[in-house]
Amino acid sequence: MICLVLTLVFGALGQGLITMITSIESVQMEAGHYLPWLIAMPLVSMWCFLFDGIFIGATKGKDMRNSMFVATCCFFCVFLAASSFGNHALWLAMLTFMGMRGVGLGVIFWRQWKGNRFLVS
């Protein structure tokens, strides 16, 4: 729920928030170029943070490490492939990283839950 609220706030008030943070016009214009990435970030990244909490609570550090490794590899692949797009490549890679963390942990959770292996004592 909070991710949807943040997305709506960044979408509706993003330029105003940037103006509140800085009065330097060149910085405002540059930040405005990257505002769409900020708008998308809460929707994509909420899943990795949600599953982080579930996996930490279940003491599943090994699975978290494995998903982090895959997500990090995806980050560097996307960043290197899109590096000609400058800072947009970094935002895309970060969005990919967050998305892959969420997807990876979600897949691990679903498989272990279906096989009754997630909360094994």
PDB file of N, CA and C in Angstrom:
ATOM      1  N   MET A   1       0.816  -1.192   0.000  1.00  0.00           N
ATOM      2  CA  MET A   1       0.000   0.000   0.000  1.00  0.00           C
ATOM      3  C   MET A   1       0.869   1.270   0.000  1.00  0.00           C
ATOM      4  N   ILE A   2       1.888   1.267   0.863  1.00  0.00           N
ATOM      5  CA  ILE A   2       2.741   2.449   0.958  1.00  0.00           C
ATOM      6  C   ILE A   2       3.489   2.691  -0.354  1.00  0.00           C
ATOM      7  N   CYS A   3       3.824   1.595  -1.064  1.00  0.00           N
ATOM      8  CA  CYS A   3       4.540   1.779  -2.337  1.00  0.00           C
ATOM      9  C   CYS A   3       3.648   2.469  -3.362  1.00  0.00           C
ATOM     10  N   LEU A   4       2.372   2.149  -3.353  1.00  0.00           N
ATOM     11  CA  LEU A   4       1.442   2.811  -4.267  1.00  0.00           C
ATOM     12  C   LEU A   4       1.305   4.285  -3.907  1.00  0.00           C
ATOM     13  N   VAL A   5       1.236   4.582  -2.624  1.00  0.00           N
ATOM     14  CA  VAL A   5       1.153   5.970  -2.167  1.00  0.00           C
ATOM     15  C   VAL A   5       2.403   6.731  -2.584  1.00  0.00           C
ATOM     16  N   LEU A   6       3.585   6.133  -2.356  1.00  0.00           N
ATOM     17  CA  LEU A   6       4.827   6.805  -2.748  1.00  0.00           C
ATOM     18  C   LEU A   6       4.891   7.028  -4.257  1.00  0.00           C
ATOM     19  N   THR A   7       4.456   6.055  -5.017  1.00  0.00           N
ATOM     20  CA  THR A   7       4.453   6.199  -6.465  1.00  0.00           C
ATOM     21  C   THR A   7       3.552   7.352  -6.887  1.00  0.00           C
ATOM     22  N   LEU A   8       2.368   7.421  -6.286  1.00  0.00           N
ATOM     23  CA  LEU A   8       1.447   8.509  -6.609  1.00  0.00           C
ATOM     24  C   LEU A   8       2.001   9.864  -6.168  1.00  0.00           C
ATOM     25  N   VAL A   9       2.625   9.897  -4.982  1.00  0.00           N
ATOM     26  CA  VAL A   9       3.214  11.155  -4.502  1.00  0.00           C
ATOM     27  C   VAL A   9       4.340  11.598  -5.422  1.00  0.00           C
ATOM     28  N   PHE A  10       5.241  10.684  -5.768  1.00  0.00           N
ATOM     29  CA  PHE A  10       6.344  11.050  -6.660  1.00  0.00           C
ATOM     30  C   PHE A  10       5.830  11.455  -8.036  1.00  0.00           C
ATOM     31  N   GLY A  11       4.773  10.781  -8.495  1.00  0.00           N
ATOM     32  CA  GLY A  11       4.212  11.118  -9.799  1.00  0.00           C
ATOM     33  C   GLY A  11       3.531  12.478  -9.807  1.00  0.00           C
ATOM     34  N   ALA A  12       2.752  12.748  -8.764  1.00  0.00           N
ATOM     35  CA  ALA A  12       1.984  13.994  -8.719  1.00  0.00           C
ATOM     36  C   ALA A  12       2.808  15.183  -8.236  1.00  0.00           C
ATOM     37  N   LEU A  13       3.683  14.943  -7.267  1.00  0.00           N
ATOM     38  CA  LEU A  13       4.387  16.053  -6.631  1.00  0.00           C
ATOM     39  C   LEU A  13       5.893  16.029  -6.856  1.00  0.00           C
ATOM     40  N   GLY A  14       6.365  15.145  -7.714  1.00  0.00           N
ATOM     41  CA  GLY A  14       7.799  14.964  -7.891  1.00  0.00           C
ATOM     42  C   GLY A  14       8.553  16.224  -8.234  1.00  0.00           C
ATOM     43  N   GLN A  15       8.061  16.968  -9.201  1.00  0.00           N
ATOM     44  CA  GLN A  15       8.759  18.190  -9.603  1.00  0.00           C
ATOM     45  C   GLN A  15       8.729  19.204  -8.470  1.00  0.00           C
ATOM     46  N   GLY A  16       7.625  19.253  -7.751  1.00  0.00           N
ATOM     47  CA  GLY A  16       7.542  20.154  -6.600  1.00  0.00           C
ATOM     48  C   GLY A  16       8.509  19.769  -5.495  1.00  0.00           C
ATOM     49  N   LEU A  17       8.668  18.459  -5.280  1.00  0.00           N
ATOM     50  CA  LEU A  17       9.624  17.989  -4.272  1.00  0.00           C
ATOM     51  C   LEU A  17      11.056  18.361  -4.664  1.00  0.00           C
ATOM     52  N   ILE A  18      11.348  18.227  -5.937  1.00  0.00           N
ATOM     53  CA  ILE A  18      12.677  18.604  -6.422  1.00  0.00           C
ATOM     54  C   ILE A  18      12.910  20.092  -6.196  1.00  0.00           C
ATOM     55  N   THR A  19      11.895  20.897  -6.467  1.00  0.00           N
ATOM     56  CA  THR A  19      12.002  22.343  -6.269  1.00  0.00           C
ATOM     57  C   THR A  19      12.204  22.687  -4.799  1.00  0.00           C
ATOM     58  N   MET A  20      11.578  21.911  -3.903  1.00  0.00           N
ATOM     59  CA  MET A  20      11.759  22.137  -2.465  1.00  0.00           C
ATOM     60  C   MET A  20      13.174  21.783  -2.013  1.00  0.00           C
ATOM     61  N   ILE A  21      13.772  20.791  -2.653  1.00  0.00           N
ATOM     62  CA  ILE A  21      15.102  20.333  -2.258  1.00  0.00           C
ATOM     63  C   ILE A  21      16.191  21.293  -2.712  1.00  0.00           C
ATOM     64  N   THR A  22      16.040  21.832  -3.918  1.00  0.00           N
ATOM     65  CA  THR A  22      17.091  22.714  -4.450  1.00  0.00           C
ATOM     66  C   THR A  22      16.469  23.875  -5.213  1.00  0.00           C
ATOM     67  N   SER A  23      17.141  25.002  -5.154  1.00  0.00           N
ATOM     68  CA  SER A  23      16.692  26.173  -5.915  1.00  0.00           C
ATOM     69  C   SER A  23      17.535  26.368  -7.176  1.00  0.00           C
ATOM     70  N   ILE A  24      18.500  25.522  -7.390  1.00  0.00           N
ATOM     71  CA  ILE A  24      19.391  25.635  -8.548  1.00  0.00           C
ATOM     72  C   ILE A  24      18.671  25.047  -9.761  1.00  0.00           C
ATOM     73  N   GLU A  25      18.394  25.888 -10.754  1.00  0.00           N
ATOM     74  CA  GLU A  25      17.594  25.471 -11.903  1.00  0.00           C
ATOM     75  C   GLU A  25      18.210  24.325 -12.698  1.00  0.00           C
ATOM     76  N   SER A  26      19.526  24.351 -12.862  1.00  0.00           N
ATOM     77  CA  SER A  26      20.163  23.271 -13.638  1.00  0.00           C
ATOM     78  C   SER A  26      20.029  21.935 -12.910  1.00  0.00           C
ATOM     79  N   VAL A  27      20.093  21.953 -11.585  1.00  0.00           N
ATOM     80  CA  VAL A  27      19.916  20.729 -10.806  1.00  0.00           C
ATOM     81  C   VAL A  27      18.466  20.263 -10.891  1.00  0.00           C
ATOM     82  N   GLN A  28      17.527  21.201 -10.839  1.00  0.00           N
ATOM     83  CA  GLN A  28      16.113  20.859 -10.962  1.00  0.00           C
ATOM     84  C   GLN A  28      15.811  20.209 -12.311  1.00  0.00           C
ATOM     85  N   MET A  29      16.379  20.774 -13.364  1.00  0.00           N
ATOM     86  CA  MET A  29      16.143  20.217 -14.699  1.00  0.00           C
ATOM     87  C   MET A  29      16.758  18.821 -14.823  1.00  0.00           C
ATOM     88  N   GLU A  30      17.964  18.661 -14.303  1.00  0.00           N
ATOM     89  CA  GLU A  30      18.633  17.358 -14.375  1.00  0.00           C
ATOM     90  C   GLU A  30      17.867  16.315 -13.566  1.00  0.00           C
ATOM     91  N   ALA A  31      17.434  16.687 -12.370  1.00  0.00           N
ATOM     92  CA  ALA A  31      16.660  15.762 -11.532  1.00  0.00           C
ATOM     93  C   ALA A  31      15.337  15.404 -12.204  1.00  0.00           C
ATOM     94  N   GLY A  32      14.750  16.358 -12.915  1.00  0.00           N
ATOM     95  CA  GLY A  32      13.500  16.093 -13.629  1.00  0.00           C
ATOM     96  C   GLY A  32      13.641  15.015 -14.694  1.00  0.00           C
ATOM     97  N   HIS A  33      14.832  14.905 -15.288  1.00  0.00           N
ATOM     98  CA  HIS A  33      15.073  13.872 -16.299  1.00  0.00           C
ATOM     99  C   HIS A  33      14.970  12.464 -15.700  1.00  0.00           C
ATOM    100  N   TYR A  34      15.308  12.352 -14.431  1.00  0.00           N
ATOM    101  CA  TYR A  34      15.346  11.040 -13.779  1.00  0.00           C
ATOM    102  C   TYR A  34      14.124  10.770 -12.911  1.00  0.00           C
ATOM    103  N   LEU A  35      13.191  11.698 -12.881  1.00  0.00           N
ATOM    104  CA  LEU A  35      11.982  11.552 -12.075  1.00  0.00           C
ATOM    105  C   LEU A  35      11.161  10.308 -12.444  1.00  0.00           C
ATOM    106  N   PRO A  36      11.019   9.948 -13.720  1.00  0.00           N
ATOM    107  CA  PRO A  36      10.264   8.718 -14.023  1.00  0.00           C
ATOM    108  C   PRO A  36      10.857   7.465 -13.363  1.00  0.00           C
ATOM    109  N   TRP A  37      12.175   7.427 -13.226  1.00  0.00           N
ATOM    110  CA  TRP A  37      12.801   6.283 -12.550  1.00  0.00           C
ATOM    111  C   TRP A  37      12.409   6.261 -11.078  1.00  0.00           C
ATOM    112  N   LEU A  38      12.376   7.432 -10.460  1.00  0.00           N
ATOM    113  CA  LEU A  38      11.993   7.531  -9.057  1.00  0.00           C
ATOM    114  C   LEU A  38      10.533   7.135  -8.866  1.00  0.00           C
ATOM    115  N   ILE A  39       9.695   7.478  -9.816  1.00  0.00           N
ATOM    116  CA  ILE A  39       8.282   7.117  -9.734  1.00  0.00           C
ATOM    117  C   ILE A  39       8.114   5.600  -9.789  1.00  0.00           C
ATOM    118  N   ALA A  40       8.891   4.924 -10.633  1.00  0.00           N
ATOM    119  CA  ALA A  40       8.772   3.473 -10.784  1.00  0.00           C
ATOM    120  C   ALA A  40       9.419   2.688  -9.647  1.00  0.00           C
ATOM    121  N   MET A  41      10.396   3.277  -8.984  1.00  0.00           N
ATOM    122  CA  MET A  41      11.189   2.533  -7.988  1.00  0.00           C
ATOM    123  C   MET A  41      10.368   1.906  -6.854  1.00  0.00           C
ATOM    124  N   PRO A  42       9.422   2.616  -6.217  1.00  0.00           N
ATOM    125  CA  PRO A  42       8.691   1.970  -5.116  1.00  0.00           C
ATOM    126  C   PRO A  42       7.896   0.750  -5.548  1.00  0.00           C
ATOM    127  N   LEU A  43       7.291   0.795  -6.731  1.00  0.00           N
ATOM    128  CA  LEU A  43       6.497  -0.349  -7.195  1.00  0.00           C
ATOM    129  C   LEU A  43       7.354  -1.583  -7.441  1.00  0.00           C
ATOM    130  N   VAL A  44       8.548  -1.370  -7.935  1.00  0.00           N
ATOM    131  CA  VAL A  44       9.428  -2.492  -8.251  1.00  0.00           C
ATOM    132  C   VAL A  44      10.174  -2.980  -7.009  1.00  0.00           C
ATOM    133  N   SER A  45      10.673  -2.050  -6.217  1.00  0.00           N
ATOM    134  CA  SER A  45      11.547  -2.443  -5.108  1.00  0.00           C
ATOM    135  C   SER A  45      10.805  -2.943  -3.880  1.00  0.00           C
ATOM    136  N   MET A  46       9.530  -2.666  -3.750  1.00  0.00           N
ATOM    137  CA  MET A  46       8.818  -3.099  -2.548  1.00  0.00           C
ATOM    138  C   MET A  46       8.863  -4.609  -2.357  1.00  0.00           C
ATOM    139  N   TRP A  47       8.900  -5.348  -3.453  1.00  0.00           N
ATOM    140  CA  TRP A  47       8.864  -6.810  -3.345  1.00  0.00           C
ATOM    141  C   TRP A  47      10.136  -7.372  -2.732  1.00  0.00           C
ATOM    142  N   CYS A  48      11.289  -6.818  -3.094  1.00  0.00           N
ATOM    143  CA  CYS A  48      12.518  -7.337  -2.501  1.00  0.00           C
ATOM    144  C   CYS A  48      12.572  -7.002  -1.012  1.00  0.00           C
ATOM    145  N   PHE A  49      12.072  -5.842  -0.613  1.00  0.00           N
ATOM    146  CA  PHE A  49      12.078  -5.493   0.808  1.00  0.00           C
ATOM    147  C   PHE A  49      11.061  -6.320   1.590  1.00  0.00           C
ATOM    148  N   LEU A  50       9.928  -6.595   0.982  1.00  0.00           N
ATOM    149  CA  LEU A  50       8.929  -7.452   1.615  1.00  0.00           C
ATOM    150  C   LEU A  50       9.505  -8.849   1.848  1.00  0.00           C
ATOM    151  N   PHE A  51      10.074  -9.426   0.815  1.00  0.00           N
ATOM    152  CA  PHE A  51      10.647 -10.769   0.946  1.00  0.00           C
ATOM    153  C   PHE A  51      11.900 -10.783   1.819  1.00  0.00           C
ATOM    154  N   ASP A  52      12.648  -9.680   1.853  1.00  0.00           N
ATOM    155  CA  ASP A  52      13.775  -9.593   2.787  1.00  0.00           C
ATOM    156  C   ASP A  52      13.290  -9.819   4.215  1.00  0.00           C
ATOM    157  N   GLY A  53      12.215  -9.157   4.574  1.00  0.00           N
ATOM    158  CA  GLY A  53      11.670  -9.314   5.921  1.00  0.00           C
ATOM    159  C   GLY A  53      11.207 -10.729   6.204  1.00  0.00           C
ATOM    160  N   ILE A  54      10.579 -11.345   5.231  1.00  0.00           N
ATOM    161  CA  ILE A  54      10.107 -12.727   5.398  1.00  0.00           C
ATOM    162  C   ILE A  54      11.296 -13.670   5.550  1.00  0.00           C
ATOM    163  N   PHE A  55      12.292 -13.515   4.705  1.00  0.00           N
ATOM    164  CA  PHE A  55      13.445 -14.417   4.743  1.00  0.00           C
ATOM    165  C   PHE A  55      14.315 -14.183   5.973  1.00  0.00           C
ATOM    166  N   ILE A  56      14.445 -12.935   6.409  1.00  0.00           N
ATOM    167  CA  ILE A  56      15.201 -12.673   7.631  1.00  0.00           C
ATOM    168  C   ILE A  56      14.487 -13.296   8.823  1.00  0.00           C
ATOM    169  N   GLY A  57      13.165 -13.137   8.870  1.00  0.00           N
ATOM    170  CA  GLY A  57      12.392 -13.723   9.956  1.00  0.00           C
ATOM    171  C   GLY A  57      12.473 -15.239   9.986  1.00  0.00           C
ATOM    172  N   ALA A  58      12.608 -15.838   8.816  1.00  0.00           N
ATOM    173  CA  ALA A  58      12.697 -17.301   8.726  1.00  0.00           C
ATOM    174  C   ALA A  58      14.149 -17.778   8.767  1.00  0.00           C
ATOM    175  N   THR A  59      15.073 -16.871   9.012  1.00  0.00           N
ATOM    176  CA  THR A  59      16.522 -17.150   9.040  1.00  0.00           C
ATOM    177  C   THR A  59      16.993 -17.905   7.802  1.00  0.00           C
ATOM    178  N   LYS A  60      16.629 -17.373   6.651  1.00  0.00           N
ATOM    179  CA  LYS A  60      16.992 -17.973   5.363  1.00  0.00           C
ATOM    180  C   LYS A  60      18.080 -17.144   4.684  1.00  0.00           C
ATOM    181  N   GLY A  61      19.187 -16.950   5.384  1.00  0.00           N
ATOM    182  CA  GLY A  61      20.278 -16.136   4.864  1.00  0.00           C
ATOM    183  C   GLY A  61      20.908 -16.684   3.599  1.00  0.00           C
ATOM    184  N   LYS A  62      21.014 -17.981   3.498  1.00  0.00           N
ATOM    185  CA  LYS A  62      21.632 -18.597   2.319  1.00  0.00           C
ATOM    186  C   LYS A  62      20.816 -18.283   1.058  1.00  0.00           C
ATOM    187  N   ASP A  63      19.508 -18.381   1.177  1.00  0.00           N
ATOM    188  CA  ASP A  63      18.653 -18.077   0.024  1.00  0.00           C
ATOM    189  C   ASP A  63      18.730 -16.600  -0.345  1.00  0.00           C
ATOM    190  N   MET A  64      18.831 -15.742   0.660  1.00  0.00           N
ATOM    191  CA  MET A  64      18.969 -14.310   0.385  1.00  0.00           C
ATOM    192  C   MET A  64      20.291 -14.023  -0.319  1.00  0.00           C
ATOM    193  N   ARG A  65      21.352 -14.678   0.138  1.00  0.00           N
ATOM    194  CA  ARG A  65      22.658 -14.497  -0.502  1.00  0.00           C
ATOM    195  C   ARG A  65      22.600 -14.932  -1.965  1.00  0.00           C
ATOM    196  N   ASN A  66      21.974 -16.069  -2.220  1.00  0.00           N
ATOM    197  CA  ASN A  66      21.896 -16.580  -3.590  1.00  0.00           C
ATOM    198  C   ASN A  66      21.103 -15.642  -4.499  1.00  0.00           C
ATOM    199  N   SER A  67      19.993 -15.113  -3.992  1.00  0.00           N
ATOM    200  CA  SER A  67      19.208 -14.187  -4.812  1.00  0.00           C
ATOM    201  C   SER A  67      19.978 -12.886  -5.041  1.00  0.00           C
ATOM    202  N   MET A  68      20.742 -12.478  -4.044  1.00  0.00           N
ATOM    203  CA  MET A  68      21.551 -11.266  -4.176  1.00  0.00           C
ATOM    204  C   MET A  68      22.628 -11.449  -5.247  1.00  0.00           C
ATOM    205  N   PHE A  69      23.225 -12.630  -5.300  1.00  0.00           N
ATOM    206  CA  PHE A  69      24.251 -12.908  -6.305  1.00  0.00           C
ATOM    207  C   PHE A  69      23.664 -12.825  -7.711  1.00  0.00           C
ATOM    208  N   VAL A  70      22.515 -13.458  -7.925  1.00  0.00           N
ATOM    209  CA  VAL A  70      21.869 -13.432  -9.242  1.00  0.00           C
ATOM    210  C   VAL A  70      21.474 -12.001  -9.609  1.00  0.00           C
ATOM    211  N   ALA A  71      20.886 -11.277  -8.651  1.00  0.00           N
ATOM    212  CA  ALA A  71      20.467  -9.901  -8.914  1.00  0.00           C
ATOM    213  C   ALA A  71      21.667  -9.001  -9.219  1.00  0.00           C
ATOM    214  N   THR A  72      22.774  -9.218  -8.533  1.00  0.00           N
ATOM    215  CA  THR A  72      23.979  -8.421  -8.776  1.00  0.00           C
ATOM    216  C   THR A  72      24.534  -8.702 -10.172  1.00  0.00           C
ATOM    217  N   CYS A  73      24.544  -9.954 -10.572  1.00  0.00           N
ATOM    218  CA  CYS A  73      24.983 -10.295 -11.937  1.00  0.00           C
ATOM    219  C   CYS A  73      24.094  -9.620 -12.972  1.00  0.00           C
ATOM    220  N   CYS A  74      22.775  -9.623 -12.734  1.00  0.00           N
ATOM    221  CA  CYS A  74      21.843  -8.949 -13.645  1.00  0.00           C
ATOM    222  C   CYS A  74      22.106  -7.448 -13.678  1.00  0.00           C
ATOM    223  N   PHE A  75      22.389  -6.863 -12.514  1.00  0.00           N
ATOM    224  CA  PHE A  75      22.692  -5.433 -12.441  1.00  0.00           C
ATOM    225  C   PHE A  75      23.855  -5.087 -13.368  1.00  0.00           C
ATOM    226  N   PHE A  76      24.961  -5.834 -13.241  1.00  0.00           N
ATOM    227  CA  PHE A  76      26.144  -5.509 -14.042  1.00  0.00           C
ATOM    228  C   PHE A  76      25.919  -5.789 -15.525  1.00  0.00           C
ATOM    229  N   CYS A  77      25.194  -6.839 -15.852  1.00  0.00           N
ATOM    230  CA  CYS A  77      24.894  -7.122 -17.263  1.00  0.00           C
ATOM    231  C   CYS A  77      24.079  -5.998 -17.884  1.00  0.00           C
ATOM    232  N   VAL A  78      23.034  -5.572 -17.187  1.00  0.00           N
ATOM    233  CA  VAL A  78      22.184  -4.492 -17.707  1.00  0.00           C
ATOM    234  C   VAL A  78      22.968  -3.189 -17.774  1.00  0.00           C
ATOM    235  N   PHE A  79      23.743  -2.886 -16.728  1.00  0.00           N
ATOM    236  CA  PHE A  79      24.503  -1.640 -16.722  1.00  0.00           C
ATOM    237  C   PHE A  79      25.510  -1.598 -17.865  1.00  0.00           C
ATOM    238  N   LEU A  80      26.220  -2.692 -18.067  1.00  0.00           N
ATOM    239  CA  LEU A  80      27.207  -2.723 -19.156  1.00  0.00           C
ATOM    240  C   LEU A  80      26.540  -2.663 -20.523  1.00  0.00           C
ATOM    241  N   ALA A  81      25.403  -3.336 -20.658  1.00  0.00           N
ATOM    242  CA  ALA A  81      24.704  -3.334 -21.944  1.00  0.00           C
ATOM    243  C   ALA A  81      24.121  -1.960 -22.270  1.00  0.00           C
ATOM    244  N   ALA A  82      23.703  -1.234 -21.247  1.00  0.00           N
ATOM    245  CA  ALA A  82      23.044   0.056 -21.465  1.00  0.00           C
ATOM    246  C   ALA A  82      23.927   1.244 -21.127  1.00  0.00           C
ATOM    247  N   SER A  83      25.210   1.023 -20.924  1.00  0.00           N
ATOM    248  CA  SER A  83      26.096   2.092 -20.444  1.00  0.00           C
ATOM    249  C   SER A  83      26.149   3.308 -21.373  1.00  0.00           C
ATOM    250  N   SER A  84      25.791   3.139 -22.608  1.00  0.00           N
ATOM    251  CA  SER A  84      25.807   4.285 -23.521  1.00  0.00           C
ATOM    252  C   SER A  84      24.692   5.291 -23.203  1.00  0.00           C
ATOM    253  N   PHE A  85      23.754   4.907 -22.351  1.00  0.00           N
ATOM    254  CA  PHE A  85      22.662   5.807 -21.974  1.00  0.00           C
ATOM    255  C   PHE A  85      22.986   6.644 -20.746  1.00  0.00           C
ATOM    256  N   GLY A  86      24.227   6.611 -20.294  1.00  0.00           N
ATOM    257  CA  GLY A  86      24.663   7.453 -19.185  1.00  0.00           C
ATOM    258  C   GLY A  86      24.009   7.065 -17.867  1.00  0.00           C
ATOM    259  N   ASN A  87      23.531   8.069 -17.141  1.00  0.00           N
ATOM    260  CA  ASN A  87      22.945   7.841 -15.826  1.00  0.00           C
ATOM    261  C   ASN A  87      21.649   7.026 -15.905  1.00  0.00           C
ATOM    262  N   HIS A  88      20.966   7.089 -17.036  1.00  0.00           N
ATOM    263  CA  HIS A  88      19.759   6.265 -17.205  1.00  0.00           C
ATOM    264  C   HIS A  88      20.112   4.775 -17.119  1.00  0.00           C
ATOM    265  N   ALA A  89      21.292   4.419 -17.571  1.00  0.00           N
ATOM    266  CA  ALA A  89      21.736   3.027 -17.466  1.00  0.00           C
ATOM    267  C   ALA A  89      21.847   2.604 -16.006  1.00  0.00           C
ATOM    268  N   LEU A  90      22.336   3.487 -15.173  1.00  0.00           N
ATOM    269  CA  LEU A  90      22.451   3.185 -13.746  1.00  0.00           C
ATOM    270  C   LEU A  90      21.076   3.007 -13.116  1.00  0.00           C
ATOM    271  N   TRP A  91      20.140   3.880 -13.452  1.00  0.00           N
ATOM    272  CA  TRP A  91      18.784   3.743 -12.925  1.00  0.00           C
ATOM    273  C   TRP A  91      18.124   2.461 -13.420  1.00  0.00           C
ATOM    274  N   LEU A  92      18.304   2.144 -14.694  1.00  0.00           N
ATOM    275  CA  LEU A  92      17.733   0.910 -15.240  1.00  0.00           C
ATOM    276  C   LEU A  92      18.342  -0.310 -14.565  1.00  0.00           C
ATOM    277  N   ALA A  93      19.642  -0.290 -14.367  1.00  0.00           N
ATOM    278  CA  ALA A  93      20.312  -1.410 -13.710  1.00  0.00           C
ATOM    279  C   ALA A  93      19.831  -1.558 -12.262  1.00  0.00           C
ATOM    280  N   MET A  94      19.651  -0.440 -11.576  1.00  0.00           N
ATOM    281  CA  MET A  94      19.175  -0.493 -10.192  1.00  0.00           C
ATOM    282  C   MET A  94      17.745  -1.013 -10.124  1.00  0.00           C
ATOM    283  N   LEU A  95      16.905  -0.581 -11.046  1.00  0.00           N
ATOM    284  CA  LEU A  95      15.528  -1.079 -11.111  1.00  0.00           C
ATOM    285  C   LEU A  95      15.522  -2.572 -11.409  1.00  0.00           C
ATOM    286  N   THR A  96      16.408  -3.005 -12.304  1.00  0.00           N
ATOM    287  CA  THR A  96      16.543  -4.428 -12.615  1.00  0.00           C
ATOM    288  C   THR A  96      17.014  -5.203 -11.395  1.00  0.00           C
ATOM    289  N   PHE A  97      17.989  -4.664 -10.690  1.00  0.00           N
ATOM    290  CA  PHE A  97      18.499  -5.303  -9.480  1.00  0.00           C
ATOM    291  C   PHE A  97      17.381  -5.512  -8.464  1.00  0.00           C
ATOM    292  N   MET A  98      16.632  -4.455  -8.191  1.00  0.00           N
ATOM    293  CA  MET A  98      15.540  -4.555  -7.220  1.00  0.00           C
ATOM    294  C   MET A  98      14.479  -5.543  -7.695  1.00  0.00           C
ATOM    295  N   GLY A  99      14.160  -5.481  -8.970  1.00  0.00           N
ATOM    296  CA  GLY A  99      13.165  -6.405  -9.519  1.00  0.00           C
ATOM    297  C   GLY A  99      13.620  -7.853  -9.444  1.00  0.00           C
ATOM    298  N   MET A 100      14.869  -8.090  -9.764  1.00  0.00           N
ATOM    299  CA  MET A 100      15.392  -9.462  -9.722  1.00  0.00           C
ATOM    300  C   MET A 100      15.479  -9.987  -8.300  1.00  0.00           C
ATOM    301  N   ARG A 101      15.792  -9.125  -7.348  1.00  0.00           N
ATOM    302  CA  ARG A 101      15.774  -9.550  -5.942  1.00  0.00           C
ATOM    303  C   ARG A 101      14.373  -9.997  -5.551  1.00  0.00           C
ATOM    304  N   GLY A 102      13.370  -9.193  -5.915  1.00  0.00           N
ATOM    305  CA  GLY A 102      11.990  -9.539  -5.589  1.00  0.00           C
ATOM    306  C   GLY A 102      11.531 -10.800  -6.282  1.00  0.00           C
ATOM    307  N   VAL A 103      11.826 -10.914  -7.560  1.00  0.00           N
ATOM    308  CA  VAL A 103      11.423 -12.108  -8.323  1.00  0.00           C
ATOM    309  C   VAL A 103      12.160 -13.339  -7.801  1.00  0.00           C
ATOM    310  N   GLY A 104      13.459 -13.199  -7.584  1.00  0.00           N
ATOM    311  CA  GLY A 104      14.249 -14.339  -7.107  1.00  0.00           C
ATOM    312  C   GLY A 104      13.773 -14.844  -5.759  1.00  0.00           C
ATOM    313  N   LEU A 105      13.585 -13.932  -4.814  1.00  0.00           N
ATOM    314  CA  LEU A 105      13.108 -14.351  -3.493  1.00  0.00           C
ATOM    315  C   LEU A 105      11.681 -14.869  -3.570  1.00  0.00           C
ATOM    316  N   GLY A 106      10.869 -14.281  -4.444  1.00  0.00           N
ATOM    317  CA  GLY A 106       9.498 -14.766  -4.620  1.00  0.00           C
ATOM    318  C   GLY A 106       9.450 -16.186  -5.153  1.00  0.00           C
ATOM    319  N   VAL A 107      10.295 -16.484  -6.128  1.00  0.00           N
ATOM    320  CA  VAL A 107      10.349 -17.837  -6.691  1.00  0.00           C
ATOM    321  C   VAL A 107      10.847 -18.835  -5.645  1.00  0.00           C
ATOM    322  N   ILE A 108      11.893 -18.457  -4.914  1.00  0.00           N
ATOM    323  CA  ILE A 108      12.407 -19.346  -3.865  1.00  0.00           C
ATOM    324  C   ILE A 108      11.339 -19.589  -2.809  1.00  0.00           C
ATOM    325  N   PHE A 109      10.669 -18.521  -2.384  1.00  0.00           N
ATOM    326  CA  PHE A 109       9.624 -18.651  -1.380  1.00  0.00           C
ATOM    327  C   PHE A 109       8.506 -19.574  -1.861  1.00  0.00           C
ATOM    328  N   TRP A 110       8.036 -19.323  -3.083  1.00  0.00           N
ATOM    329  CA  TRP A 110       6.921 -20.103  -3.617  1.00  0.00           C
ATOM    330  C   TRP A 110       7.283 -21.589  -3.720  1.00  0.00           C
ATOM    331  N   ARG A 111       8.476 -21.896  -4.244  1.00  0.00           N
ATOM    332  CA  ARG A 111       8.902 -23.298  -4.380  1.00  0.00           C
ATOM    333  C   ARG A 111       9.027 -23.988  -3.023  1.00  0.00           C
ATOM    334  N   GLN A 112       9.639 -23.285  -2.070  1.00  0.00           N
ATOM    335  CA  GLN A 112       9.806 -23.897  -0.759  1.00  0.00           C
ATOM    336  C   GLN A 112       8.476 -24.019  -0.030  1.00  0.00           C
ATOM    337  N   TRP A 113       7.596 -23.054  -0.196  1.00  0.00           N
ATOM    338  CA  TRP A 113       6.298 -23.100   0.461  1.00  0.00           C
ATOM    339  C   TRP A 113       5.456 -24.246  -0.099  1.00  0.00           C
ATOM    340  N   LYS A 114       5.467 -24.401  -1.421  1.00  0.00           N
ATOM    341  CA  LYS A 114       4.710 -25.489  -2.049  1.00  0.00           C
ATOM    342  C   LYS A 114       5.254 -26.860  -1.640  1.00  0.00           C
ATOM    343  N   GLY A 115       6.541 -26.961  -1.417  1.00  0.00           N
ATOM    344  CA  GLY A 115       7.153 -28.220  -1.016  1.00  0.00           C
ATOM    345  C   GLY A 115       7.242 -28.384   0.493  1.00  0.00           C
ATOM    346  N   ASN A 116       6.539 -27.517   1.246  1.00  0.00           N
ATOM    347  CA  ASN A 116       6.564 -27.551   2.707  1.00  0.00           C
ATOM    348  C   ASN A 116       7.990 -27.545   3.269  1.00  0.00           C
ATOM    349  N   ARG A 117       8.865 -26.751   2.645  1.00  0.00           N
ATOM    350  CA  ARG A 117      10.247 -26.665   3.098  1.00  0.00           C
ATOM    351  C   ARG A 117      10.627 -25.288   3.597  1.00  0.00           C
ATOM    352  N   PHE A 118       9.700 -24.339   3.593  1.00  0.00           N
ATOM    353  CA  PHE A 118      10.082 -22.975   3.959  1.00  0.00           C
ATOM    354  C   PHE A 118      10.287 -22.829   5.463  1.00  0.00           C
ATOM    355  N   LEU A 119       9.371 -23.314   6.234  1.00  0.00           N
ATOM    356  CA  LEU A 119       9.472 -23.179   7.696  1.00  0.00           C
ATOM    357  C   LEU A 119       9.724 -24.536   8.323  1.00  0.00           C
ATOM    358  N   VAL A 120      10.834 -25.123   7.985  1.00  0.00           N
ATOM    359  CA  VAL A 120      11.200 -26.421   8.537  1.00  0.00           C
ATOM    360  C   VAL A 120      11.914 -26.208   9.852  1.00  0.00           C
ATOM    361  N   SER A 121      11.480 -26.936  10.907  1.00  0.00           N
ATOM    362  CA  SER A 121      12.146 -26.763  12.203  1.00  0.00           C
ATOM    363  C   SER A 121      13.262 -27.753  12.416  1.00  0.00           C
TER     364      SER A 121
END
